[in-house]
N, C-alpha and C. Protein backbone atom coordinates (compact mmCIF):
# COMPACT_ATOMS: atom_id res chain seq x y z
N MET A 1 -90.91 124.99 -35.70
CA MET A 1 -90.70 126.00 -34.68
C MET A 1 -90.31 125.33 -33.36
N LEU A 2 -89.27 125.84 -32.74
CA LEU A 2 -88.81 125.27 -31.48
C LEU A 2 -89.76 125.63 -30.34
N ASN A 3 -89.89 124.71 -29.40
CA ASN A 3 -90.73 124.94 -28.24
C ASN A 3 -89.94 125.42 -27.04
N TYR A 4 -88.63 125.63 -27.21
CA TYR A 4 -87.81 126.12 -26.10
C TYR A 4 -86.60 126.86 -26.65
N PHE A 5 -85.96 127.62 -25.77
CA PHE A 5 -84.66 128.20 -26.10
C PHE A 5 -83.83 128.28 -24.83
N ILE A 6 -82.51 128.27 -25.01
CA ILE A 6 -81.59 128.39 -23.88
C ILE A 6 -81.58 129.85 -23.46
N GLU A 7 -81.93 130.11 -22.21
CA GLU A 7 -81.99 131.48 -21.69
C GLU A 7 -80.63 131.95 -21.15
N LYS A 8 -79.96 131.06 -20.40
CA LYS A 8 -78.64 131.43 -19.89
C LYS A 8 -77.87 130.20 -19.45
N ILE A 9 -76.56 130.37 -19.42
CA ILE A 9 -75.64 129.34 -18.94
C ILE A 9 -74.75 129.98 -17.89
N THR A 10 -74.60 129.31 -16.76
CA THR A 10 -73.77 129.83 -15.67
C THR A 10 -72.78 128.74 -15.25
N ILE A 11 -71.53 129.13 -15.11
CA ILE A 11 -70.48 128.25 -14.61
C ILE A 11 -70.15 128.70 -13.20
N ARG A 12 -70.09 127.75 -12.25
CA ARG A 12 -69.84 128.09 -10.84
C ARG A 12 -68.69 127.28 -10.27
N GLY A 13 -68.13 127.81 -9.21
CA GLY A 13 -67.10 127.10 -8.46
C GLY A 13 -66.98 127.72 -7.08
N PRO A 14 -66.52 126.92 -6.11
CA PRO A 14 -66.36 127.47 -4.76
C PRO A 14 -65.35 128.61 -4.76
N GLU A 15 -65.73 129.69 -4.13
CA GLU A 15 -64.88 130.88 -4.03
C GLU A 15 -64.48 131.44 -5.38
N ARG A 16 -65.32 131.22 -6.41
CA ARG A 16 -65.10 131.76 -7.75
C ARG A 16 -66.28 132.65 -8.11
N LYS A 17 -66.02 133.71 -8.84
CA LYS A 17 -67.11 134.56 -9.35
C LYS A 17 -67.83 133.79 -10.45
N GLU A 18 -69.17 133.81 -10.41
CA GLU A 18 -69.95 133.12 -11.44
C GLU A 18 -69.67 133.72 -12.81
N ALA A 19 -69.64 132.86 -13.81
CA ALA A 19 -69.51 133.30 -15.20
C ALA A 19 -70.81 132.95 -15.90
N THR A 20 -71.53 133.97 -16.41
CA THR A 20 -72.85 133.78 -17.00
C THR A 20 -72.91 134.39 -18.39
N ILE A 21 -73.58 133.69 -19.29
CA ILE A 21 -73.91 134.25 -20.60
C ILE A 21 -75.41 134.09 -20.79
N GLU A 22 -76.06 135.16 -21.25
CA GLU A 22 -77.50 135.15 -21.46
C GLU A 22 -77.80 135.19 -22.95
N PHE A 23 -78.88 134.50 -23.34
CA PHE A 23 -79.30 134.43 -24.73
C PHE A 23 -80.70 135.00 -24.88
N GLU A 24 -81.03 135.42 -26.07
CA GLU A 24 -82.37 135.88 -26.41
C GLU A 24 -83.03 134.83 -27.29
N LYS A 25 -84.34 134.82 -27.35
CA LYS A 25 -85.06 133.92 -28.25
C LYS A 25 -84.68 134.30 -29.68
N GLY A 26 -84.40 133.31 -30.50
CA GLY A 26 -84.00 133.56 -31.87
C GLY A 26 -82.51 133.30 -32.05
N LEU A 27 -81.94 133.89 -33.07
CA LEU A 27 -80.54 133.69 -33.40
C LEU A 27 -79.64 134.50 -32.47
N ASN A 28 -78.64 133.83 -31.90
CA ASN A 28 -77.64 134.47 -31.06
C ASN A 28 -76.28 134.16 -31.68
N ILE A 29 -75.46 135.17 -31.86
CA ILE A 29 -74.14 135.00 -32.43
C ILE A 29 -73.11 135.29 -31.36
N ILE A 30 -72.20 134.34 -31.17
CA ILE A 30 -71.13 134.49 -30.19
C ILE A 30 -69.85 134.70 -30.97
N SER A 31 -69.24 135.85 -30.79
CA SER A 31 -67.99 136.15 -31.50
C SER A 31 -66.99 136.77 -30.54
N GLY A 32 -65.74 136.73 -30.94
CA GLY A 32 -64.70 137.32 -30.11
C GLY A 32 -63.35 136.75 -30.47
N PRO A 33 -62.31 137.31 -29.87
CA PRO A 33 -60.95 136.84 -30.14
C PRO A 33 -60.75 135.38 -29.70
N SER A 34 -59.68 134.79 -30.19
CA SER A 34 -59.33 133.42 -29.81
C SER A 34 -59.08 133.33 -28.30
N ASN A 35 -59.40 132.16 -27.76
CA ASN A 35 -59.11 131.85 -26.36
C ASN A 35 -59.87 132.73 -25.36
N THR A 36 -61.15 133.04 -25.69
CA THR A 36 -61.96 133.84 -24.78
C THR A 36 -63.20 133.11 -24.28
N GLY A 37 -63.36 131.81 -24.65
CA GLY A 37 -64.44 131.01 -24.08
C GLY A 37 -65.57 130.61 -25.01
N LYS A 38 -65.50 130.93 -26.28
CA LYS A 38 -66.59 130.58 -27.19
C LYS A 38 -66.81 129.07 -27.26
N THR A 39 -65.75 128.31 -27.42
CA THR A 39 -65.86 126.86 -27.49
C THR A 39 -66.33 126.28 -26.16
N SER A 40 -65.95 126.89 -25.06
CA SER A 40 -66.38 126.42 -23.74
C SER A 40 -67.88 126.49 -23.58
N ILE A 41 -68.52 127.47 -24.21
CA ILE A 41 -69.98 127.58 -24.15
C ILE A 41 -70.62 126.38 -24.83
N VAL A 42 -70.13 126.03 -26.01
CA VAL A 42 -70.66 124.88 -26.74
C VAL A 42 -70.40 123.59 -25.96
N LYS A 43 -69.21 123.46 -25.39
CA LYS A 43 -68.88 122.28 -24.59
C LYS A 43 -69.76 122.18 -23.34
N ALA A 44 -70.09 123.31 -22.74
CA ALA A 44 -70.96 123.31 -21.56
C ALA A 44 -72.35 122.81 -21.92
N ILE A 45 -72.87 123.24 -23.06
CA ILE A 45 -74.20 122.77 -23.51
C ILE A 45 -74.15 121.27 -23.76
N ASP A 46 -73.13 120.81 -24.46
CA ASP A 46 -72.98 119.38 -24.75
C ASP A 46 -72.87 118.58 -23.46
N PHE A 47 -72.11 119.09 -22.50
CA PHE A 47 -71.93 118.42 -21.21
C PHE A 47 -73.27 118.29 -20.48
N LEU A 48 -74.07 119.35 -20.49
CA LEU A 48 -75.38 119.30 -19.82
C LEU A 48 -76.34 118.33 -20.49
N TYR A 49 -76.19 118.16 -21.77
CA TYR A 49 -77.06 117.23 -22.49
C TYR A 49 -76.57 115.78 -22.42
N GLY A 50 -75.49 115.53 -21.63
CA GLY A 50 -75.14 114.15 -21.34
C GLY A 50 -73.82 113.62 -21.84
N SER A 51 -72.93 114.46 -22.34
CA SER A 51 -71.64 113.93 -22.78
C SER A 51 -70.86 113.38 -21.58
N ASP A 52 -69.83 112.62 -21.85
CA ASP A 52 -69.02 112.00 -20.79
C ASP A 52 -68.44 113.04 -19.86
N LYS A 53 -68.24 112.65 -18.60
CA LYS A 53 -67.64 113.57 -17.63
C LYS A 53 -66.24 113.98 -18.04
N SER A 54 -65.56 113.14 -18.82
CA SER A 54 -64.23 113.50 -19.30
C SER A 54 -64.29 114.65 -20.30
N ASP A 55 -65.49 114.95 -20.82
CA ASP A 55 -65.67 116.06 -21.76
C ASP A 55 -66.15 117.34 -21.08
N ALA A 56 -65.95 117.45 -19.77
CA ALA A 56 -66.35 118.67 -19.05
C ALA A 56 -65.69 119.88 -19.70
N PRO A 57 -66.39 121.01 -19.74
CA PRO A 57 -65.87 122.18 -20.45
C PRO A 57 -64.64 122.82 -19.82
N PHE A 58 -64.39 122.53 -18.53
CA PHE A 58 -63.24 123.12 -17.83
C PHE A 58 -62.59 122.07 -16.95
N SER A 59 -61.34 122.27 -16.66
CA SER A 59 -60.65 121.47 -15.66
C SER A 59 -60.86 122.15 -14.31
N THR A 60 -61.46 121.44 -13.36
CA THR A 60 -61.69 122.01 -12.04
C THR A 60 -60.37 122.42 -11.39
N GLU A 61 -59.36 121.61 -11.55
CA GLU A 61 -58.06 121.91 -10.95
C GLU A 61 -57.45 123.18 -11.53
N ALA A 62 -57.62 123.40 -12.84
CA ALA A 62 -57.00 124.55 -13.50
C ALA A 62 -57.79 125.84 -13.30
N THR A 63 -59.13 125.75 -13.21
CA THR A 63 -59.95 126.97 -13.19
C THR A 63 -60.65 127.22 -11.87
N GLY A 64 -60.90 126.17 -11.07
CA GLY A 64 -61.66 126.32 -9.84
C GLY A 64 -63.17 126.19 -10.05
N TYR A 65 -63.62 126.11 -11.30
CA TYR A 65 -65.04 125.93 -11.58
C TYR A 65 -65.36 124.44 -11.53
N ASN A 66 -66.56 124.10 -11.01
CA ASN A 66 -66.90 122.68 -10.90
C ASN A 66 -68.35 122.36 -11.24
N GLN A 67 -69.12 123.34 -11.71
CA GLN A 67 -70.53 123.08 -12.01
C GLN A 67 -71.01 123.99 -13.12
N VAL A 68 -71.89 123.47 -13.96
CA VAL A 68 -72.51 124.27 -15.00
C VAL A 68 -74.04 124.16 -14.84
N GLU A 69 -74.72 125.27 -15.06
CA GLU A 69 -76.18 125.31 -14.99
C GLU A 69 -76.71 125.99 -16.25
N MET A 70 -77.78 125.45 -16.80
CA MET A 70 -78.41 126.03 -17.98
C MET A 70 -79.89 126.24 -17.68
N VAL A 71 -80.39 127.42 -17.95
CA VAL A 71 -81.82 127.71 -17.80
C VAL A 71 -82.45 127.65 -19.18
N ILE A 72 -83.49 126.84 -19.30
CA ILE A 72 -84.20 126.67 -20.55
C ILE A 72 -85.59 127.29 -20.40
N ASN A 73 -85.98 128.12 -21.36
CA ASN A 73 -87.29 128.77 -21.36
C ASN A 73 -88.18 128.02 -22.34
N THR A 74 -89.30 127.47 -21.85
CA THR A 74 -90.23 126.71 -22.69
C THR A 74 -91.61 127.34 -22.64
N LYS A 75 -92.49 126.84 -23.46
CA LYS A 75 -93.87 127.33 -23.45
C LYS A 75 -94.57 126.97 -22.14
N ASP A 76 -94.02 125.99 -21.41
CA ASP A 76 -94.59 125.56 -20.13
C ASP A 76 -93.87 126.15 -18.92
N GLY A 77 -92.89 127.01 -19.14
CA GLY A 77 -92.17 127.63 -18.03
C GLY A 77 -90.66 127.51 -18.19
N ARG A 78 -89.95 127.92 -17.15
CA ARG A 78 -88.50 127.87 -17.15
C ARG A 78 -88.02 126.67 -16.34
N PHE A 79 -86.96 126.02 -16.85
CA PHE A 79 -86.39 124.85 -16.19
C PHE A 79 -84.88 125.01 -16.12
N ALA A 80 -84.27 124.45 -15.10
CA ALA A 80 -82.82 124.51 -14.95
C ALA A 80 -82.24 123.10 -14.97
N LEU A 81 -81.14 122.96 -15.70
CA LEU A 81 -80.36 121.73 -15.70
C LEU A 81 -79.02 122.06 -15.03
N LYS A 82 -78.57 121.20 -14.11
CA LYS A 82 -77.29 121.41 -13.43
C LYS A 82 -76.49 120.13 -13.48
N ARG A 83 -75.18 120.30 -13.60
CA ARG A 83 -74.30 119.13 -13.59
C ARG A 83 -72.93 119.53 -13.08
N LYS A 84 -72.37 118.69 -12.20
CA LYS A 84 -71.03 118.95 -11.67
C LYS A 84 -70.00 118.25 -12.56
N PHE A 85 -68.80 118.84 -12.61
CA PHE A 85 -67.73 118.28 -13.43
C PHE A 85 -67.12 117.05 -12.79
N ASP A 86 -66.99 117.04 -11.46
CA ASP A 86 -66.32 115.91 -10.81
C ASP A 86 -67.29 114.98 -10.14
């Protein structure tokens, strides 16, 4: 049994509207048409867990987003991880 789950992921950028996806404890299924951001969610999680900066989920120049934040819900409370793309 897991002791934590990802509660939400938020992508931010200066003068950009935040993009947030929220999860529930248990199984979450992400579905939708091609080119709507499903892979970017997985890349954002990988990036927060320490992948190379070259593996950032978005190009800051192309999208204006430059930071990802993930809130993790644990038995000991909620924690946030943040990382900038550049």
